[in-house]
């Protein structure tokens, strides 16, 4: 699915975009299941083992921030974590020994939503082996107007910046206190 040039780009920049890994039908299934999760979240009045809620969430107006481990709660998502084309891309990047860790679905609905500040994933998932990545499946088109994921090329090469405020983990880094060119 990817060639040597794409592997080099991944190693240099720390990310790649691989279009059309999933079929239109597979993406439609993910959207359908995700809509069903949102409907089920109407019953939640606080965070649950499955749902992280946004402020203002209600049965009348569900505001869902995150679905935790969707692969454990629906077979469509369970198939995605072992999807042959996704696994093929990962094996091309690292070799045959690929292991799944966890899944989550972050929702960014129009009109509301908690901000996700500049951060490095490594601060959330520290390991002694840095052969890991996040695989994102874009179910909607991404444009600057709808708050896409922004990535700073080559920032994966280090250092890992401080993600604390006043000694407490805040999940974000202070752009003024690091030497990354965010432009």
N, C-alpha and C. Protein backbone atom coordinates (compact mmCIF):
# COMPACT_ATOMS: atom_id res chain seq x y z
N UNK A 1 0.80 -1.21 0.00
CA UNK A 1 0.00 0.00 0.00
C UNK A 1 0.85 1.27 0.00
N UNK A 2 2.05 1.19 0.56
CA UNK A 2 2.92 2.36 0.54
C UNK A 2 4.28 1.96 -0.01
N UNK A 3 4.96 2.92 -0.61
CA UNK A 3 6.25 2.63 -1.22
C UNK A 3 7.40 3.13 -0.35
N UNK A 4 8.63 2.90 -0.82
CA UNK A 4 9.82 3.29 -0.06
C UNK A 4 9.86 4.79 0.23
N UNK A 5 9.41 5.60 -0.71
CA UNK A 5 9.40 7.05 -0.53
C UNK A 5 8.48 7.45 0.63
N UNK A 6 7.35 6.80 0.73
CA UNK A 6 6.40 7.09 1.81
C UNK A 6 6.98 6.67 3.15
N UNK A 7 7.68 5.56 3.19
CA UNK A 7 8.35 5.12 4.43
C UNK A 7 9.39 6.15 4.84
N UNK A 8 10.18 6.65 3.89
CA UNK A 8 11.18 7.67 4.20
C UNK A 8 10.51 8.95 4.73
N UNK A 9 9.41 9.32 4.12
CA UNK A 9 8.67 10.51 4.58
C UNK A 9 8.20 10.31 6.01
N UNK A 10 7.68 9.13 6.32
CA UNK A 10 7.24 8.83 7.69
C UNK A 10 8.40 8.97 8.67
N UNK A 11 9.52 8.40 8.32
CA UNK A 11 10.66 8.44 9.25
C UNK A 11 11.18 9.87 9.43
N UNK A 12 11.12 10.67 8.37
CA UNK A 12 11.59 12.05 8.45
C UNK A 12 10.59 12.96 9.18
N UNK A 13 9.34 12.91 8.75
CA UNK A 13 8.33 13.86 9.24
C UNK A 13 7.57 13.37 10.47
N UNK A 14 7.49 12.04 10.66
CA UNK A 14 6.78 11.50 11.81
C UNK A 14 5.32 11.19 11.55
N UNK A 15 4.88 11.37 10.32
CA UNK A 15 3.49 11.07 9.97
C UNK A 15 3.39 10.87 8.46
N UNK A 16 2.35 10.19 8.05
CA UNK A 16 1.98 10.08 6.64
C UNK A 16 0.47 10.08 6.56
N UNK A 17 -0.04 10.42 5.41
CA UNK A 17 -1.46 10.30 5.12
C UNK A 17 -1.57 9.30 3.98
N UNK A 18 -2.35 8.26 4.20
CA UNK A 18 -2.52 7.22 3.19
C UNK A 18 -3.99 7.23 2.79
N UNK A 19 -4.29 7.80 1.64
CA UNK A 19 -5.69 7.90 1.23
C UNK A 19 -6.29 6.56 0.81
N UNK A 20 -7.59 6.48 0.98
CA UNK A 20 -8.39 5.37 0.45
C UNK A 20 -7.98 4.00 0.98
N UNK A 21 -7.54 3.95 2.24
CA UNK A 21 -7.24 2.65 2.84
C UNK A 21 -8.54 1.89 3.07
N UNK A 22 -9.56 2.59 3.51
CA UNK A 22 -10.88 1.98 3.72
C UNK A 22 -11.78 2.28 2.53
N UNK A 23 -12.68 1.37 2.27
CA UNK A 23 -13.65 1.59 1.19
C UNK A 23 -14.73 2.57 1.67
N UNK A 24 -15.47 3.11 0.74
CA UNK A 24 -16.58 4.00 1.08
C UNK A 24 -17.60 3.27 1.96
N UNK A 25 -17.82 2.00 1.69
CA UNK A 25 -18.77 1.22 2.50
C UNK A 25 -18.26 1.05 3.93
N UNK A 26 -16.96 0.83 4.10
CA UNK A 26 -16.40 0.69 5.44
C UNK A 26 -16.51 1.99 6.23
N UNK A 27 -16.24 3.10 5.57
CA UNK A 27 -16.38 4.40 6.23
C UNK A 27 -17.85 4.65 6.58
N UNK A 28 -18.76 4.30 5.70
CA UNK A 28 -20.19 4.46 5.99
C UNK A 28 -20.59 3.62 7.20
N UNK A 29 -20.06 2.40 7.31
CA UNK A 29 -20.33 1.56 8.49
C UNK A 29 -19.82 2.23 9.76
N UNK A 30 -18.61 2.80 9.71
CA UNK A 30 -18.07 3.49 10.88
C UNK A 30 -18.94 4.67 11.27
N UNK A 31 -19.41 5.42 10.30
CA UNK A 31 -20.29 6.56 10.59
C UNK A 31 -21.60 6.10 11.23
N UNK A 32 -22.17 5.02 10.67
CA UNK A 32 -23.43 4.48 11.20
C UNK A 32 -23.27 4.05 12.65
N UNK A 33 -22.20 3.32 12.93
CA UNK A 33 -21.96 2.83 14.29
C UNK A 33 -21.67 4.00 15.23
N UNK A 34 -20.92 4.97 14.74
CA UNK A 34 -20.62 6.14 15.57
C UNK A 34 -21.89 6.89 15.91
N UNK A 35 -22.78 7.06 14.93
CA UNK A 35 -24.07 7.71 15.21
C UNK A 35 -24.86 6.93 16.26
N UNK A 36 -24.78 5.60 16.22
CA UNK A 36 -25.48 4.79 17.23
C UNK A 36 -24.86 4.99 18.61
N UNK A 37 -23.53 5.10 18.68
CA UNK A 37 -22.88 5.42 19.97
C UNK A 37 -23.39 6.75 20.51
N UNK A 38 -23.46 7.75 19.65
CA UNK A 38 -23.94 9.07 20.08
C UNK A 38 -25.37 8.95 20.61
N UNK A 39 -26.20 8.20 19.93
CA UNK A 39 -27.58 7.99 20.40
C UNK A 39 -27.59 7.33 21.78
N UNK A 40 -26.76 6.31 21.97
CA UNK A 40 -26.72 5.62 23.27
C UNK A 40 -26.20 6.55 24.37
N UNK A 41 -25.37 7.51 23.99
CA UNK A 41 -24.82 8.42 25.01
C UNK A 41 -25.89 9.32 25.61
N UNK A 42 -27.05 9.43 24.97
CA UNK A 42 -28.14 10.24 25.52
C UNK A 42 -28.52 9.77 26.93
N UNK A 43 -28.32 8.49 27.20
CA UNK A 43 -28.69 7.93 28.50
C UNK A 43 -27.67 8.25 29.59
N UNK A 44 -26.49 8.67 29.21
CA UNK A 44 -25.43 8.93 30.18
C UNK A 44 -25.62 10.31 30.83
N UNK A 45 -25.41 10.35 32.13
CA UNK A 45 -25.49 11.63 32.85
C UNK A 45 -24.12 12.07 33.36
N UNK A 46 -23.14 11.19 33.26
CA UNK A 46 -21.75 11.51 33.61
C UNK A 46 -20.86 10.57 32.81
N UNK A 47 -19.56 10.78 32.90
CA UNK A 47 -18.62 9.92 32.18
C UNK A 47 -18.88 8.46 32.57
N UNK A 48 -18.71 7.58 31.60
CA UNK A 48 -18.90 6.14 31.82
C UNK A 48 -17.67 5.40 31.33
N UNK A 49 -17.73 4.09 31.41
CA UNK A 49 -16.62 3.26 30.89
C UNK A 49 -16.51 3.40 29.37
N UNK A 50 -17.57 3.85 28.72
CA UNK A 50 -17.57 4.00 27.26
C UNK A 50 -17.50 5.46 26.83
N UNK A 51 -18.19 6.35 27.53
CA UNK A 51 -18.35 7.73 27.07
C UNK A 51 -17.66 8.76 27.96
N UNK A 52 -16.92 9.67 27.31
CA UNK A 52 -16.48 10.91 27.96
C UNK A 52 -17.39 12.00 27.39
N UNK A 53 -18.03 12.74 28.27
CA UNK A 53 -19.01 13.73 27.84
C UNK A 53 -18.43 15.13 27.86
N UNK A 54 -18.94 15.97 26.98
CA UNK A 54 -18.60 17.38 26.96
C UNK A 54 -19.50 18.10 27.97
N UNK A 55 -19.04 19.25 28.47
CA UNK A 55 -19.94 20.07 29.30
C UNK A 55 -21.22 20.39 28.53
N UNK A 56 -22.35 20.35 29.22
CA UNK A 56 -23.64 20.64 28.59
C UNK A 56 -24.31 19.44 27.95
N UNK A 57 -23.71 18.25 28.09
CA UNK A 57 -24.31 17.03 27.53
C UNK A 57 -25.67 16.79 28.18
N UNK A 58 -26.65 16.40 27.38
CA UNK A 58 -27.97 16.02 27.91
C UNK A 58 -28.60 15.02 26.96
N UNK A 59 -29.67 14.42 27.41
CA UNK A 59 -30.39 13.48 26.56
C UNK A 59 -30.96 14.20 25.34
N UNK A 60 -31.41 15.42 25.54
CA UNK A 60 -31.99 16.18 24.44
C UNK A 60 -30.93 16.64 23.44
N UNK A 61 -29.73 16.93 23.96
CA UNK A 61 -28.64 17.40 23.09
C UNK A 61 -27.34 16.71 23.50
N UNK A 62 -27.10 15.50 22.96
CA UNK A 62 -25.89 14.78 23.35
C UNK A 62 -24.64 15.51 22.87
N UNK A 63 -23.69 15.62 23.80
CA UNK A 63 -22.39 16.23 23.49
C UNK A 63 -21.32 15.26 23.94
N UNK A 64 -20.86 14.51 23.00
CA UNK A 64 -19.94 13.42 23.28
C UNK A 64 -18.52 13.82 22.87
N UNK A 65 -17.59 13.75 23.80
CA UNK A 65 -16.19 14.09 23.53
C UNK A 65 -15.42 12.88 23.00
N UNK A 66 -15.64 11.72 23.63
CA UNK A 66 -14.81 10.56 23.30
C UNK A 66 -15.59 9.28 23.55
N UNK A 67 -15.36 8.31 22.67
CA UNK A 67 -15.83 6.94 22.87
C UNK A 67 -14.59 6.13 23.19
N UNK A 68 -14.57 5.55 24.38
CA UNK A 68 -13.41 4.80 24.84
C UNK A 68 -13.52 3.35 24.39
N UNK A 69 -12.46 2.85 23.80
CA UNK A 69 -12.36 1.45 23.36
C UNK A 69 -13.56 1.01 22.52
N UNK A 70 -13.86 1.72 21.43
CA UNK A 70 -15.01 1.31 20.62
C UNK A 70 -14.88 -0.10 20.07
N UNK A 71 -13.65 -0.58 19.92
CA UNK A 71 -13.45 -1.95 19.42
C UNK A 71 -13.99 -3.00 20.38
N UNK A 72 -14.13 -2.66 21.65
CA UNK A 72 -14.67 -3.60 22.64
C UNK A 72 -16.20 -3.56 22.71
N UNK A 73 -16.79 -2.60 22.02
CA UNK A 73 -18.23 -2.38 22.15
C UNK A 73 -19.00 -2.51 20.84
N UNK A 74 -18.28 -2.75 19.74
CA UNK A 74 -18.96 -2.93 18.46
C UNK A 74 -18.05 -3.69 17.50
N UNK A 75 -18.61 -4.68 16.80
CA UNK A 75 -17.79 -5.49 15.89
C UNK A 75 -17.22 -4.72 14.70
N UNK A 76 -17.88 -3.65 14.26
CA UNK A 76 -17.34 -2.86 13.15
C UNK A 76 -16.01 -2.24 13.56
N UNK A 77 -15.95 -1.68 14.74
CA UNK A 77 -14.70 -1.11 15.23
C UNK A 77 -13.69 -2.21 15.56
N UNK A 78 -14.15 -3.35 16.04
CA UNK A 78 -13.24 -4.47 16.32
C UNK A 78 -12.53 -4.90 15.04
N UNK A 79 -13.24 -4.90 13.92
CA UNK A 79 -12.61 -5.26 12.65
C UNK A 79 -11.57 -4.22 12.22
N UNK A 80 -11.80 -2.97 12.56
CA UNK A 80 -10.87 -1.91 12.13
C UNK A 80 -9.49 -2.06 12.76
N UNK A 81 -9.41 -2.51 14.00
CA UNK A 81 -8.09 -2.60 14.66
C UNK A 81 -7.24 -3.73 14.08
N UNK A 82 -7.85 -4.57 13.26
CA UNK A 82 -7.10 -5.63 12.58
C UNK A 82 -7.30 -5.58 11.07
N UNK A 83 -7.72 -4.43 10.59
CA UNK A 83 -8.01 -4.29 9.16
C UNK A 83 -6.75 -4.62 8.35
N UNK A 84 -6.85 -5.52 7.38
CA UNK A 84 -5.65 -5.96 6.65
C UNK A 84 -4.87 -4.82 5.98
N UNK A 85 -5.55 -3.82 5.46
CA UNK A 85 -4.83 -2.73 4.80
C UNK A 85 -4.13 -1.83 5.80
N UNK A 86 -4.75 -1.60 6.95
CA UNK A 86 -4.11 -0.80 7.99
C UNK A 86 -2.89 -1.54 8.52
N UNK A 87 -3.06 -2.82 8.80
CA UNK A 87 -1.94 -3.64 9.29
C UNK A 87 -0.83 -3.68 8.25
N UNK A 88 -1.19 -3.77 6.99
CA UNK A 88 -0.18 -3.79 5.92
C UNK A 88 0.67 -2.53 5.92
N UNK A 89 0.05 -1.36 6.11
CA UNK A 89 0.80 -0.11 6.18
C UNK A 89 1.75 -0.14 7.37
N UNK A 90 1.25 -0.55 8.52
CA UNK A 90 2.09 -0.60 9.72
C UNK A 90 3.25 -1.57 9.57
N UNK A 91 3.00 -2.72 8.98
CA UNK A 91 4.07 -3.69 8.77
C UNK A 91 5.10 -3.17 7.78
N UNK A 92 4.66 -2.41 6.82
CA UNK A 92 5.60 -1.80 5.86
C UNK A 92 6.52 -0.79 6.56
N UNK A 93 5.97 -0.11 7.58
CA UNK A 93 6.76 0.86 8.33
C UNK A 93 7.72 0.18 9.31
N UNK A 94 7.31 -0.92 9.95
CA UNK A 94 8.07 -1.49 11.06
C UNK A 94 8.46 -2.95 10.93
N UNK A 95 7.85 -3.67 10.03
CA UNK A 95 8.11 -5.10 9.94
C UNK A 95 6.91 -5.89 10.43
N UNK A 96 7.06 -7.21 10.51
CA UNK A 96 5.89 -8.07 10.75
C UNK A 96 5.32 -8.03 12.16
N UNK A 97 6.09 -7.59 13.14
CA UNK A 97 5.64 -7.67 14.53
C UNK A 97 4.94 -6.39 14.97
N UNK A 98 3.65 -6.31 14.65
CA UNK A 98 2.84 -5.16 15.00
C UNK A 98 1.85 -5.59 16.07
N UNK A 99 1.72 -4.76 17.10
CA UNK A 99 0.81 -5.10 18.20
C UNK A 99 -0.15 -3.93 18.43
N UNK A 100 -1.41 -4.24 18.62
CA UNK A 100 -2.44 -3.26 18.92
C UNK A 100 -2.43 -2.95 20.41
N UNK A 101 -2.59 -1.67 20.74
CA UNK A 101 -2.59 -1.27 22.15
C UNK A 101 -3.99 -0.84 22.60
N UNK A 102 -4.49 0.26 22.07
CA UNK A 102 -5.79 0.75 22.52
C UNK A 102 -6.46 1.54 21.42
N UNK A 103 -7.76 1.74 21.58
CA UNK A 103 -8.50 2.56 20.62
C UNK A 103 -9.35 3.57 21.37
N UNK A 104 -9.61 4.65 20.68
CA UNK A 104 -10.54 5.65 21.18
C UNK A 104 -11.01 6.43 19.98
N UNK A 105 -12.15 7.02 20.13
CA UNK A 105 -12.71 7.83 19.06
C UNK A 105 -12.98 9.21 19.63
N UNK A 106 -12.21 10.19 19.18
CA UNK A 106 -12.41 11.57 19.60
C UNK A 106 -13.36 12.23 18.62
N UNK A 107 -14.43 12.79 19.16
CA UNK A 107 -15.42 13.45 18.31
C UNK A 107 -15.22 14.95 18.38
N UNK A 108 -15.34 15.59 17.28
CA UNK A 108 -15.23 17.04 17.20
C UNK A 108 -16.48 17.54 16.49
N UNK A 109 -17.57 17.59 17.21
CA UNK A 109 -18.84 17.99 16.62
C UNK A 109 -18.90 19.50 16.43
N UNK A 110 -19.65 19.91 15.45
CA UNK A 110 -19.80 21.35 15.16
C UNK A 110 -20.54 22.05 16.29
N UNK A 111 -20.09 23.26 16.60
CA UNK A 111 -20.81 24.10 17.55
C UNK A 111 -20.40 23.97 19.00
N UNK A 112 -19.63 22.96 19.35
CA UNK A 112 -19.16 22.79 20.73
C UNK A 112 -17.94 21.91 20.71
N UNK A 113 -17.31 21.82 21.83
CA UNK A 113 -16.19 20.90 21.94
C UNK A 113 -15.03 21.52 22.69
N UNK A 114 -14.47 20.73 23.58
CA UNK A 114 -13.31 21.17 24.34
C UNK A 114 -12.10 21.26 23.42
N UNK A 115 -11.27 22.25 23.60
CA UNK A 115 -10.09 22.36 22.74
C UNK A 115 -9.08 21.27 23.05
N UNK A 116 -8.33 20.90 22.05
CA UNK A 116 -7.19 20.01 22.22
C UNK A 116 -5.98 20.88 21.93
N UNK A 117 -5.25 21.19 22.99
CA UNK A 117 -4.11 22.11 22.87
C UNK A 117 -2.92 21.39 22.25
N UNK A 118 -1.89 22.16 21.88
CA UNK A 118 -0.67 21.56 21.35
C UNK A 118 -0.11 20.58 22.37
N UNK A 119 0.19 19.38 21.90
CA UNK A 119 0.74 18.36 22.78
C UNK A 119 1.53 17.35 21.95
N UNK A 120 2.29 16.54 22.63
CA UNK A 120 2.96 15.40 22.02
C UNK A 120 2.34 14.15 22.62
N UNK A 121 1.95 13.22 21.76
CA UNK A 121 1.32 11.99 22.25
C UNK A 121 2.22 11.24 23.22
N UNK A 122 3.53 11.34 23.02
CA UNK A 122 4.47 10.62 23.87
C UNK A 122 4.26 10.95 25.35
N UNK A 123 3.86 12.18 25.65
CA UNK A 123 3.65 12.57 27.05
C UNK A 123 2.49 11.79 27.68
N UNK A 124 1.55 11.33 26.87
CA UNK A 124 0.40 10.57 27.37
C UNK A 124 0.69 9.09 27.48
N UNK A 125 1.58 8.59 26.63
CA UNK A 125 1.85 7.15 26.55
C UNK A 125 3.35 6.89 26.60
N UNK A 126 4.01 7.23 27.69
CA UNK A 126 5.46 7.02 27.72
C UNK A 126 5.80 5.53 27.69
N UNK A 127 6.78 5.20 26.89
CA UNK A 127 7.25 3.82 26.75
C UNK A 127 8.77 3.83 26.70
N UNK A 128 9.35 2.67 26.86
CA UNK A 128 10.79 2.56 26.69
C UNK A 128 11.13 2.25 25.24
N UNK A 129 10.16 1.85 24.45
CA UNK A 129 10.34 1.56 23.04
C UNK A 129 9.52 2.58 22.26
N UNK A 130 10.17 3.36 21.40
CA UNK A 130 9.43 4.40 20.70
C UNK A 130 8.87 3.97 19.35
N UNK A 131 8.81 2.68 19.09
CA UNK A 131 8.19 2.18 17.87
C UNK A 131 6.68 2.07 18.06
N UNK A 132 6.03 3.21 18.13
CA UNK A 132 4.59 3.22 18.26
C UNK A 132 4.04 4.39 17.48
N UNK A 133 2.78 4.27 17.12
CA UNK A 133 2.14 5.38 16.42
C UNK A 133 0.65 5.36 16.69
N UNK A 134 0.03 6.47 16.39
CA UNK A 134 -1.41 6.57 16.42
C UNK A 134 -1.91 6.46 14.98
N UNK A 135 -2.91 5.66 14.79
CA UNK A 135 -3.52 5.52 13.47
C UNK A 135 -4.86 6.25 13.54
N UNK A 136 -5.02 7.22 12.69
CA UNK A 136 -6.28 7.96 12.64
C UNK A 136 -7.04 7.62 11.38
N UNK A 137 -8.32 7.44 11.54
CA UNK A 137 -9.20 7.21 10.39
C UNK A 137 -10.09 8.44 10.28
N UNK A 138 -9.96 9.16 9.19
CA UNK A 138 -10.77 10.35 9.00
C UNK A 138 -12.09 9.94 8.35
N UNK A 139 -13.17 10.10 9.08
CA UNK A 139 -14.48 9.72 8.56
C UNK A 139 -15.18 10.87 7.85
N UNK A 140 -14.66 12.07 8.03
CA UNK A 140 -15.18 13.25 7.35
C UNK A 140 -14.02 13.96 6.68
N UNK A 141 -14.34 14.75 5.67
CA UNK A 141 -13.30 15.56 5.03
C UNK A 141 -12.72 16.52 6.06
N UNK A 142 -11.44 16.77 5.96
CA UNK A 142 -10.77 17.70 6.87
C UNK A 142 -10.34 18.93 6.10
N UNK A 143 -10.73 20.07 6.62
CA UNK A 143 -10.32 21.35 6.05
C UNK A 143 -10.02 22.28 7.23
N UNK A 144 -9.29 23.34 6.96
CA UNK A 144 -8.93 24.26 8.03
C UNK A 144 -10.17 24.77 8.77
N UNK A 145 -11.27 24.92 8.06
CA UNK A 145 -12.50 25.46 8.65
C UNK A 145 -13.14 24.53 9.69
N UNK A 146 -12.88 23.23 9.62
CA UNK A 146 -13.54 22.33 10.58
C UNK A 146 -12.57 21.74 11.61
N UNK A 147 -11.50 22.45 11.88
CA UNK A 147 -10.62 22.07 12.99
C UNK A 147 -9.88 20.78 12.81
N UNK A 148 -9.09 20.64 11.75
CA UNK A 148 -8.39 19.38 11.51
C UNK A 148 -7.24 19.18 12.49
N UNK A 149 -6.75 17.97 12.50
CA UNK A 149 -5.53 17.65 13.23
C UNK A 149 -4.38 18.41 12.59
N UNK A 150 -3.59 19.08 13.41
CA UNK A 150 -2.40 19.77 12.93
C UNK A 150 -1.17 19.06 13.48
N UNK A 151 -0.17 18.91 12.65
CA UNK A 151 1.04 18.18 13.02
C UNK A 151 2.25 19.03 12.67
N UNK A 152 3.23 19.06 13.55
CA UNK A 152 4.49 19.74 13.27
C UNK A 152 5.47 18.69 12.77
N UNK A 153 5.83 18.75 11.48
CA UNK A 153 6.74 17.74 10.93
C UNK A 153 8.05 17.66 11.72
N UNK A 154 8.50 16.44 11.93
CA UNK A 154 9.77 16.09 12.58
C UNK A 154 9.78 16.35 14.09
N UNK A 155 8.68 16.78 14.68
CA UNK A 155 8.66 17.02 16.13
C UNK A 155 8.75 15.72 16.92
N UNK A 156 8.55 14.59 16.26
CA UNK A 156 8.67 13.29 16.92
C UNK A 156 10.12 12.96 17.28
N UNK A 157 11.05 13.70 16.74
CA UNK A 157 12.47 13.43 16.97
C UNK A 157 12.95 13.95 18.31
N UNK A 158 12.10 14.65 19.04
CA UNK A 158 12.46 15.11 20.36
C UNK A 158 12.84 16.57 20.37
N UNK A 159 12.95 17.11 21.52
CA UNK A 159 12.71 16.48 22.83
C UNK A 159 11.22 16.37 23.13
N UNK A 160 10.90 15.63 24.20
CA UNK A 160 9.54 15.63 24.73
C UNK A 160 9.44 16.83 25.66
N UNK A 161 8.52 17.71 25.37
CA UNK A 161 8.38 18.94 26.14
C UNK A 161 7.51 18.73 27.38
N UNK A 162 7.66 19.63 28.32
CA UNK A 162 6.91 19.58 29.57
C UNK A 162 5.42 19.78 29.30
N UNK A 163 4.61 18.92 29.82
CA UNK A 163 3.15 18.98 29.68
C UNK A 163 2.48 19.24 31.03
N UNK A 164 3.19 19.93 31.91
CA UNK A 164 2.70 20.21 33.26
C UNK A 164 2.49 21.71 33.46
N UNK A 165 1.55 22.04 34.31
CA UNK A 165 1.34 23.42 34.77
C UNK A 165 1.33 23.37 36.29
N UNK A 166 2.20 24.14 36.88
CA UNK A 166 2.31 24.19 38.34
C UNK A 166 2.46 22.80 38.95
N UNK A 167 3.25 21.94 38.28
CA UNK A 167 3.54 20.61 38.81
C UNK A 167 2.48 19.56 38.56
N UNK A 168 1.40 19.89 37.82
CA UNK A 168 0.32 18.94 37.54
C UNK A 168 0.25 18.69 36.03
N UNK A 169 0.08 17.42 35.65
CA UNK A 169 -0.03 17.08 34.24
C UNK A 169 -1.26 17.76 33.65
N UNK A 170 -1.05 18.54 32.60
CA UNK A 170 -2.13 19.31 31.98
C UNK A 170 -2.47 18.78 30.59
N UNK A 171 -1.66 17.87 30.06
CA UNK A 171 -1.95 17.33 28.75
C UNK A 171 -1.68 18.29 27.61
N UNK A 172 -0.95 19.35 27.88
CA UNK A 172 -0.63 20.32 26.85
C UNK A 172 0.72 20.94 27.17
N UNK A 173 1.37 21.40 26.13
CA UNK A 173 2.64 22.09 26.33
C UNK A 173 2.43 23.58 26.09
N UNK A 174 3.22 24.37 26.73
CA UNK A 174 3.15 25.81 26.58
C UNK A 174 3.98 26.20 25.36
N UNK A 175 3.35 26.63 24.26
CA UNK A 175 4.11 26.96 23.06
C UNK A 175 5.19 28.02 23.28
N UNK A 176 4.99 28.87 24.28
CA UNK A 176 5.99 29.91 24.57
C UNK A 176 7.23 29.34 25.24
N UNK A 177 7.14 28.13 25.76
CA UNK A 177 8.26 27.54 26.51
C UNK A 177 8.97 26.42 25.72
N UNK A 178 8.77 26.38 24.42
CA UNK A 178 9.49 25.39 23.62
C UNK A 178 9.95 26.05 22.32
N UNK A 179 10.88 25.40 21.66
CA UNK A 179 11.48 26.00 20.47
C UNK A 179 10.90 25.46 19.16
N UNK A 180 9.69 24.98 19.19
CA UNK A 180 9.04 24.47 17.98
C UNK A 180 8.48 25.65 17.19
N UNK A 181 8.65 25.60 15.88
CA UNK A 181 8.09 26.61 14.99
C UNK A 181 6.67 26.17 14.63
N UNK A 182 5.68 26.67 15.32
CA UNK A 182 4.30 26.27 15.10
C UNK A 182 3.73 26.82 13.79
N UNK A 183 4.40 27.78 13.19
CA UNK A 183 3.92 28.32 11.93
C UNK A 183 4.06 27.29 10.81
